[in-house]
N, C-alpha and C. Protein backbone atom coordinates (compact mmCIF):
# COMPACT_ATOMS: atom_id res chain seq x y z
N MET A 1 -49.40 -5.27 2.12
CA MET A 1 -49.81 -6.23 2.90
C MET A 1 -50.30 -5.97 4.35
N ASP A 2 -50.91 -6.94 4.63
CA ASP A 2 -51.37 -6.46 5.66
C ASP A 2 -50.80 -7.26 6.95
N LYS A 3 -50.18 -6.20 7.99
CA LYS A 3 -49.37 -6.34 8.94
C LYS A 3 -49.66 -7.20 9.76
N ALA A 4 -50.76 -7.48 10.52
CA ALA A 4 -51.67 -8.08 11.46
C ALA A 4 -51.21 -9.56 10.74
N ARG A 5 -51.79 -9.92 9.63
CA ARG A 5 -51.03 -11.08 8.85
C ARG A 5 -49.98 -11.82 8.85
N ARG A 6 -49.06 -10.41 8.47
CA ARG A 6 -47.64 -11.09 8.78
C ARG A 6 -47.19 -11.58 10.09
N ALA A 7 -47.68 -10.82 10.87
CA ALA A 7 -47.33 -10.70 12.22
C ALA A 7 -48.12 -12.25 12.87
N GLN A 8 -48.97 -12.58 12.16
CA GLN A 8 -49.76 -14.18 12.23
C GLN A 8 -48.30 -14.88 11.96
N SER A 9 -48.23 -14.89 10.39
CA SER A 9 -47.85 -15.78 9.86
C SER A 9 -45.90 -16.10 10.52
N LYS A 10 -45.42 -15.05 11.35
CA LYS A 10 -44.36 -15.17 11.84
C LYS A 10 -44.58 -16.07 13.01
N GLN A 11 -45.73 -15.90 13.69
CA GLN A 11 -45.76 -16.62 14.78
C GLN A 11 -45.88 -18.31 14.89
N ARG A 12 -46.88 -18.21 13.56
CA ARG A 12 -46.73 -19.71 13.00
C ARG A 12 -45.52 -20.31 12.71
N LEU A 13 -44.67 -19.66 12.24
CA LEU A 13 -43.11 -19.84 11.55
C LEU A 13 -42.48 -20.30 12.97
N LEU A 14 -42.84 -19.54 13.81
CA LEU A 14 -41.80 -19.80 15.01
C LEU A 14 -42.11 -21.23 15.55
N LYS A 15 -43.63 -21.26 15.74
CA LYS A 15 -43.81 -23.04 16.18
C LYS A 15 -42.85 -23.97 15.24
N VAL A 16 -43.05 -23.70 13.91
CA VAL A 16 -42.46 -24.71 13.02
C VAL A 16 -41.30 -24.96 12.88
N LEU A 17 -40.52 -23.87 13.65
CA LEU A 17 -38.88 -23.80 13.97
C LEU A 17 -38.32 -24.90 14.74
N ASP A 18 -39.38 -25.11 15.99
CA ASP A 18 -38.64 -26.40 16.58
C ASP A 18 -38.81 -27.76 15.86
N ASP A 19 -39.19 -27.68 15.07
CA ASP A 19 -39.31 -29.25 14.18
C ASP A 19 -38.30 -29.10 12.98
N ARG A 20 -37.59 -27.86 12.50
CA ARG A 20 -36.51 -27.72 11.27
C ARG A 20 -35.39 -28.90 11.50
N PRO A 21 -35.13 -28.74 12.79
CA PRO A 21 -33.87 -29.81 12.30
C PRO A 21 -34.29 -31.47 11.87
N ARG A 22 -35.22 -32.01 12.55
CA ARG A 22 -35.80 -33.11 12.05
C ARG A 22 -35.96 -33.02 10.53
N ARG A 23 -36.55 -32.04 9.86
CA ARG A 23 -37.05 -32.30 8.86
C ARG A 23 -35.84 -31.99 7.79
N ILE A 24 -34.95 -31.04 8.35
CA ILE A 24 -33.59 -31.22 7.51
C ILE A 24 -33.24 -32.41 6.91
N ARG A 25 -32.86 -32.80 8.47
CA ARG A 25 -32.38 -34.29 8.46
C ARG A 25 -32.88 -34.92 7.53
N MET A 26 -34.28 -35.46 7.61
CA MET A 26 -34.70 -36.11 6.52
C MET A 26 -34.41 -35.61 5.11
N LEU A 27 -34.31 -34.68 4.61
CA LEU A 27 -34.26 -33.73 3.52
C LEU A 27 -32.75 -34.61 3.02
N LEU A 28 -32.03 -34.51 4.10
CA LEU A 28 -30.53 -34.29 3.92
C LEU A 28 -30.64 -36.41 3.45
N GLU A 29 -30.81 -36.99 4.67
CA GLU A 29 -31.23 -38.68 4.43
C GLU A 29 -31.91 -39.01 3.11
N ARG A 30 -32.91 -38.40 2.44
CA ARG A 30 -33.14 -38.80 1.39
C ARG A 30 -32.92 -38.23 0.25
N GLY A 31 -31.77 -37.44 0.21
CA GLY A 31 -30.87 -36.89 -0.83
C GLY A 31 -31.99 -35.74 -1.96
N LEU A 32 -32.80 -35.56 -0.79
CA LEU A 32 -33.66 -34.14 -1.57
C LEU A 32 -32.72 -32.70 -1.60
N ILE A 33 -31.79 -32.64 -0.68
CA ILE A 33 -31.02 -31.52 -0.44
C ILE A 33 -29.39 -32.07 -0.14
N LYS A 34 -28.31 -31.38 -0.52
CA LYS A 34 -27.33 -31.43 -0.32
C LYS A 34 -26.57 -31.06 0.92
N ASN A 35 -27.21 -30.26 1.21
CA ASN A 35 -26.52 -29.26 2.35
C ASN A 35 -27.56 -28.36 3.33
N ALA A 36 -27.57 -28.40 4.40
CA ALA A 36 -28.57 -27.59 5.28
C ALA A 36 -28.71 -26.05 4.89
N SER A 37 -27.45 -25.83 4.39
CA SER A 37 -27.83 -24.11 3.42
C SER A 37 -28.69 -23.93 2.64
N GLU A 38 -28.70 -25.23 2.02
CA GLU A 38 -29.94 -25.10 0.69
C GLU A 38 -31.52 -24.38 1.30
N ILE A 39 -31.69 -24.83 2.74
CA ILE A 39 -33.27 -23.93 3.29
C ILE A 39 -32.96 -22.68 3.92
N PRO A 40 -33.33 -21.67 3.40
CA PRO A 40 -33.11 -20.52 3.97
C PRO A 40 -34.09 -20.29 5.61
N ALA A 41 -33.10 -19.53 5.98
CA ALA A 41 -33.45 -19.40 7.87
C ALA A 41 -34.94 -19.04 7.92
N ASP A 42 -35.44 -18.39 6.98
CA ASP A 42 -36.87 -17.55 7.50
C ASP A 42 -37.73 -18.87 6.44
N ALA A 43 -37.35 -20.14 6.12
CA ALA A 43 -38.03 -21.06 5.33
C ALA A 43 -38.36 -22.03 5.94
N ILE A 44 -39.76 -22.94 5.99
CA ILE A 44 -39.90 -23.75 6.49
C ILE A 44 -39.86 -24.95 5.86
N PRO A 45 -39.09 -26.27 6.52
CA PRO A 45 -38.64 -27.36 5.25
C PRO A 45 -39.88 -28.05 5.58
N ILE A 46 -40.08 -29.03 3.88
CA ILE A 46 -41.31 -29.75 3.93
C ILE A 46 -40.93 -31.08 4.76
N ASP A 47 -41.87 -31.48 5.16
CA ASP A 47 -41.77 -32.80 5.86
C ASP A 47 -41.89 -33.96 4.60
N PRO A 48 -40.74 -34.55 4.38
CA PRO A 48 -41.10 -35.61 3.23
C PRO A 48 -41.87 -36.59 3.76
N GLU A 49 -42.02 -37.44 5.07
CA GLU A 49 -43.14 -38.09 5.32
C GLU A 49 -44.30 -37.77 4.85
N LEU A 50 -44.97 -36.60 5.31
CA LEU A 50 -46.32 -35.81 4.62
C LEU A 50 -46.32 -35.45 3.04
N SER A 51 -45.17 -35.01 2.84
CA SER A 51 -45.55 -34.44 1.50
C SER A 51 -45.76 -35.34 0.51
N THR A 52 -44.71 -37.07 0.86
CA THR A 52 -44.74 -37.71 -0.39
C THR A 52 -45.78 -38.71 -0.30
N LYS A 53 -46.75 -38.62 0.98
CA LYS A 53 -47.69 -39.98 0.83
C LYS A 53 -48.31 -40.23 -0.28
N ALA A 54 -48.98 -38.90 -0.87
CA ALA A 54 -49.61 -39.28 -1.81
C ALA A 54 -49.02 -40.07 -3.31
N ASN A 55 -47.66 -39.76 -3.40
CA ASN A 55 -46.79 -40.23 -4.28
C ASN A 55 -46.44 -39.04 -5.25
N LEU A 56 -46.59 -38.16 -4.82
CA LEU A 56 -46.37 -36.85 -5.49
C LEU A 56 -45.30 -36.64 -5.74
N CYS A 57 -44.46 -36.02 -6.77
CA CYS A 57 -43.08 -35.25 -7.00
C CYS A 57 -43.70 -33.83 -6.19
N ILE A 58 -42.75 -33.88 -5.40
CA ILE A 58 -42.79 -32.25 -4.77
C ILE A 58 -41.82 -31.42 -5.40
N PRO A 59 -42.62 -30.13 -5.97
CA PRO A 59 -41.30 -29.13 -6.44
C PRO A 59 -40.48 -28.49 -5.27
N VAL A 60 -40.95 -28.28 -4.54
CA VAL A 60 -39.69 -27.98 -3.79
C VAL A 60 -39.41 -28.39 -2.36
N VAL A 61 -38.87 -28.07 -1.62
CA VAL A 61 -38.27 -28.63 -0.33
C VAL A 61 -38.40 -27.55 1.01
N CYS A 62 -38.62 -26.43 0.82
CA CYS A 62 -39.58 -25.80 1.38
C CYS A 62 -40.33 -24.93 1.59
N TYR A 63 -41.32 -24.12 2.37
CA TYR A 63 -41.87 -23.18 2.12
C TYR A 63 -41.69 -21.71 2.37
N GLN A 64 -41.82 -20.63 1.58
CA GLN A 64 -41.61 -19.56 2.28
C GLN A 64 -42.64 -18.65 1.44
N ASP A 65 -42.81 -17.88 2.26
CA ASP A 65 -43.84 -16.60 1.77
C ASP A 65 -43.91 -16.17 0.35
N ILE A 66 -45.13 -16.33 -0.36
CA ILE A 66 -45.18 -16.12 -1.75
C ILE A 66 -45.96 -14.83 -2.00
N GLU A 67 -45.14 -13.58 -2.54
CA GLU A 67 -46.11 -12.52 -2.68
C GLU A 67 -47.04 -12.81 -3.87
N PHE A 68 -48.19 -12.16 -4.06
CA PHE A 68 -48.69 -12.60 -5.60
C PHE A 68 -49.53 -10.98 -5.78
N ILE A 69 -50.10 -11.00 -6.80
CA ILE A 69 -51.36 -10.05 -7.28
C ILE A 69 -52.70 -10.63 -7.41
N CYS A 70 -53.71 -10.44 -6.58
CA CYS A 70 -54.63 -10.43 -6.71
C CYS A 70 -55.45 -10.63 -8.16
N THR A 71 -56.33 -11.78 -8.57
CA THR A 71 -56.51 -11.68 -10.06
C THR A 71 -57.76 -10.72 -9.98
N GLU A 72 -58.72 -10.82 -8.79
CA GLU A 72 -60.10 -10.09 -8.68
C GLU A 72 -59.43 -8.72 -8.27
N CYS A 73 -58.60 -8.33 -7.56
CA CYS A 73 -59.27 -6.66 -7.07
C CYS A 73 -57.56 -6.36 -7.51
N GLY A 74 -56.64 -6.99 -7.98
CA GLY A 74 -54.96 -5.97 -8.19
C GLY A 74 -54.36 -5.74 -6.97
N ARG A 75 -54.83 -6.11 -5.89
CA ARG A 75 -53.92 -5.90 -4.27
C ARG A 75 -52.72 -6.87 -4.69
N PRO A 76 -51.46 -6.47 -4.05
CA PRO A 76 -50.80 -7.04 -3.75
C PRO A 76 -50.92 -7.94 -2.44
N ASP A 77 -50.68 -8.82 -2.21
CA ASP A 77 -50.87 -10.16 -0.95
C ASP A 77 -49.74 -11.02 -1.12
N PHE A 78 -49.62 -11.86 -0.31
CA PHE A 78 -49.02 -13.38 0.06
C PHE A 78 -49.60 -14.09 0.77
N TRP A 79 -48.80 -15.09 0.31
CA TRP A 79 -49.21 -16.41 0.69
C TRP A 79 -48.13 -17.04 2.02
N SER A 80 -48.51 -17.05 3.56
CA SER A 80 -47.34 -17.14 4.35
C SER A 80 -46.93 -18.91 4.01
N ALA A 81 -45.70 -18.85 4.70
CA ALA A 81 -44.95 -20.07 4.60
C ALA A 81 -45.71 -21.44 5.61
N GLY A 82 -46.25 -20.82 6.61
CA GLY A 82 -47.52 -21.51 7.43
C GLY A 82 -48.50 -21.98 6.59
N SER A 83 -49.01 -21.19 5.92
CA SER A 83 -50.36 -21.52 5.48
C SER A 83 -49.88 -22.46 4.05
N GLN A 84 -48.90 -22.36 3.50
CA GLN A 84 -48.43 -23.37 2.51
C GLN A 84 -48.31 -24.57 3.06
N GLN A 85 -47.81 -24.82 4.67
CA GLN A 85 -47.41 -25.99 5.03
C GLN A 85 -48.82 -26.60 5.38
N HIS A 86 -49.77 -25.84 5.80
CA HIS A 86 -50.82 -26.38 6.66
C HIS A 86 -51.72 -27.04 5.28
N TYR A 87 -51.62 -26.36 4.07
CA TYR A 87 -52.49 -26.40 2.77
C TYR A 87 -51.96 -27.80 2.44
N PHE A 88 -50.53 -27.86 2.20
CA PHE A 88 -49.92 -28.83 1.28
C PHE A 88 -49.84 -30.02 2.38
N GLU A 89 -49.11 -30.13 3.52
CA GLU A 89 -49.15 -31.02 4.49
C GLU A 89 -50.37 -31.68 5.18
N ILE A 90 -51.15 -30.81 5.84
CA ILE A 90 -52.55 -30.93 6.26
C ILE A 90 -53.19 -31.28 5.38
N SER A 91 -53.71 -30.25 4.70
CA SER A 91 -55.31 -30.65 3.73
C SER A 91 -54.60 -31.28 2.77
N LYS A 92 -53.75 -31.93 2.40
CA LYS A 92 -53.06 -32.92 1.12
C LYS A 92 -53.37 -32.41 -0.06
N ALA A 93 -53.38 -30.89 -0.24
CA ALA A 93 -53.70 -30.23 -1.80
C ALA A 93 -52.37 -30.95 -2.51
N SER A 94 -52.69 -30.44 -3.89
CA SER A 94 -52.15 -30.48 -4.81
C SER A 94 -50.75 -29.51 -4.31
N PRO A 95 -49.28 -30.03 -4.65
CA PRO A 95 -48.26 -29.30 -4.60
C PRO A 95 -47.80 -28.21 -5.61
N TYR A 96 -48.98 -28.73 -6.96
CA TYR A 96 -48.96 -27.58 -7.82
C TYR A 96 -49.78 -26.04 -7.80
N LYS A 97 -50.58 -26.25 -6.91
CA LYS A 97 -51.42 -24.97 -6.65
C LYS A 97 -50.86 -23.84 -6.12
N ARG A 98 -51.27 -22.60 -6.28
CA ARG A 98 -50.64 -21.69 -5.87
C ARG A 98 -52.04 -20.53 -6.18
N PRO A 99 -51.77 -19.48 -5.27
CA PRO A 99 -52.93 -18.47 -5.24
C PRO A 99 -53.10 -17.59 -5.82
N LYS A 100 -54.66 -17.22 -6.17
CA LYS A 100 -54.71 -16.07 -7.23
C LYS A 100 -55.55 -15.27 -6.53
N ARG A 101 -56.35 -15.32 -5.53
CA ARG A 101 -56.90 -14.40 -4.64
C ARG A 101 -56.27 -14.01 -3.79
N CYS A 102 -56.50 -12.71 -3.39
CA CYS A 102 -56.42 -12.67 -1.67
C CYS A 102 -57.76 -12.89 -0.75
N TYR A 103 -57.33 -12.63 0.62
CA TYR A 103 -58.33 -13.24 1.34
C TYR A 103 -59.58 -12.42 1.12
N ASP A 104 -59.61 -10.91 1.04
CA ASP A 104 -60.94 -10.66 0.90
C ASP A 104 -61.65 -11.06 -0.20
N CYS A 105 -60.69 -11.08 -1.23
CA CYS A 105 -61.67 -11.54 -2.79
C CYS A 105 -62.28 -13.01 -2.51
N ARG A 106 -61.36 -14.02 -1.76
CA ARG A 106 -61.30 -15.15 -1.47
C ARG A 106 -62.74 -15.39 -0.88
N GLN A 107 -63.18 -14.91 0.06
CA GLN A 107 -64.24 -15.17 0.82
C GLN A 107 -65.67 -14.43 0.46
N LYS A 108 -65.20 -13.56 -0.97
CA LYS A 108 -66.27 -12.98 -1.37
C LYS A 108 -66.75 -13.95 -2.71
N GLU A 109 -65.91 -14.58 -3.28
CA GLU A 109 -66.17 -15.84 -3.90
C GLU A 109 -66.54 -16.76 -3.34
N LEU A 110 -66.59 -17.34 -2.15
CA LEU A 110 -67.12 -18.15 -1.45
C LEU A 110 -68.52 -18.01 -0.71
N ALA A 111 -68.67 -16.61 -0.76
CA ALA A 111 -70.24 -16.22 -0.50
C ALA A 111 -70.50 -16.08 -1.51
N ARG A 112 -70.60 -15.65 -2.80
CA ARG A 112 -71.13 -15.76 -4.08
C ARG A 112 -71.64 -17.48 -4.91
N LYS A 113 -70.51 -18.35 -4.39
CA LYS A 113 -70.60 -19.82 -4.51
C LYS A 113 -72.18 -20.47 -3.50
N ILE A 114 -71.88 -19.92 -2.32
CA ILE A 114 -73.08 -20.28 -1.46
C ILE A 114 -74.41 -19.92 -1.98
N GLN A 115 -74.24 -18.62 -2.14
CA GLN A 115 -75.55 -18.34 -2.66
C GLN A 115 -76.17 -18.57 -4.02
N ALA A 116 -75.35 -19.24 -5.20
CA ALA A 116 -75.43 -19.57 -6.17
C ALA A 116 -76.34 -20.77 -6.18
N ARG A 117 -75.66 -21.64 -5.01
CA ARG A 117 -76.16 -23.23 -4.50
C ARG A 117 -77.74 -22.83 -3.77
N LEU A 118 -77.60 -21.87 -2.81
CA LEU A 118 -78.45 -21.71 -2.47
C LEU A 118 -80.12 -21.31 -3.63
N ASP A 119 -79.57 -20.50 -4.35
CA ASP A 119 -80.39 -19.91 -5.54
C ASP A 119 -80.73 -20.80 -6.33
N SER A 120 -79.93 -21.88 -6.60
CA SER A 120 -80.42 -23.16 -7.44
C SER A 120 -80.97 -24.17 -6.96
N GLY A 121 -81.40 -23.93 -5.51
CA GLY A 121 -82.48 -25.00 -4.84
C GLY A 121 -81.47 -25.95 -4.33
N HIS A 122 -80.20 -25.85 -3.73
CA HIS A 122 -79.60 -26.66 -3.07
C HIS A 122 -79.36 -26.23 -1.43
N THR A 123 -79.70 -27.30 -0.58
CA THR A 123 -79.45 -26.94 0.91
C THR A 123 -78.16 -26.67 1.18
N PRO A 124 -78.02 -25.97 2.14
CA PRO A 124 -76.39 -26.00 2.80
C PRO A 124 -76.30 -26.98 3.54
N SER A 125 -74.89 -27.61 3.35
CA SER A 125 -74.39 -28.42 3.92
C SER A 125 -73.88 -28.26 5.36
């Protein structure tokens, strides 16, 4: 795992910890958890207001760092809790998505797609 990315993840986590009590209170009020101890100390509780606006059934009540193996290069990597929070709550992505490529391989895939569009005559947007 890249130590710089882990450190950055921890910094983002510290920012959202200030919002933790409100999020836990909302989860308790809505019956999504029975006790605050169900949320690990290093996890970010979901914000039910942001997470359910699309009428989706949310499969988790908190975000935690997820370790995975990149399908392209085979390296171990992780998806930080803060990145998940942004991806699901701000970008409104499907709560069932999971990472499959490491950062470097995602960048290579993005460059490949851009080049393919250019090669096929599409103009960059």
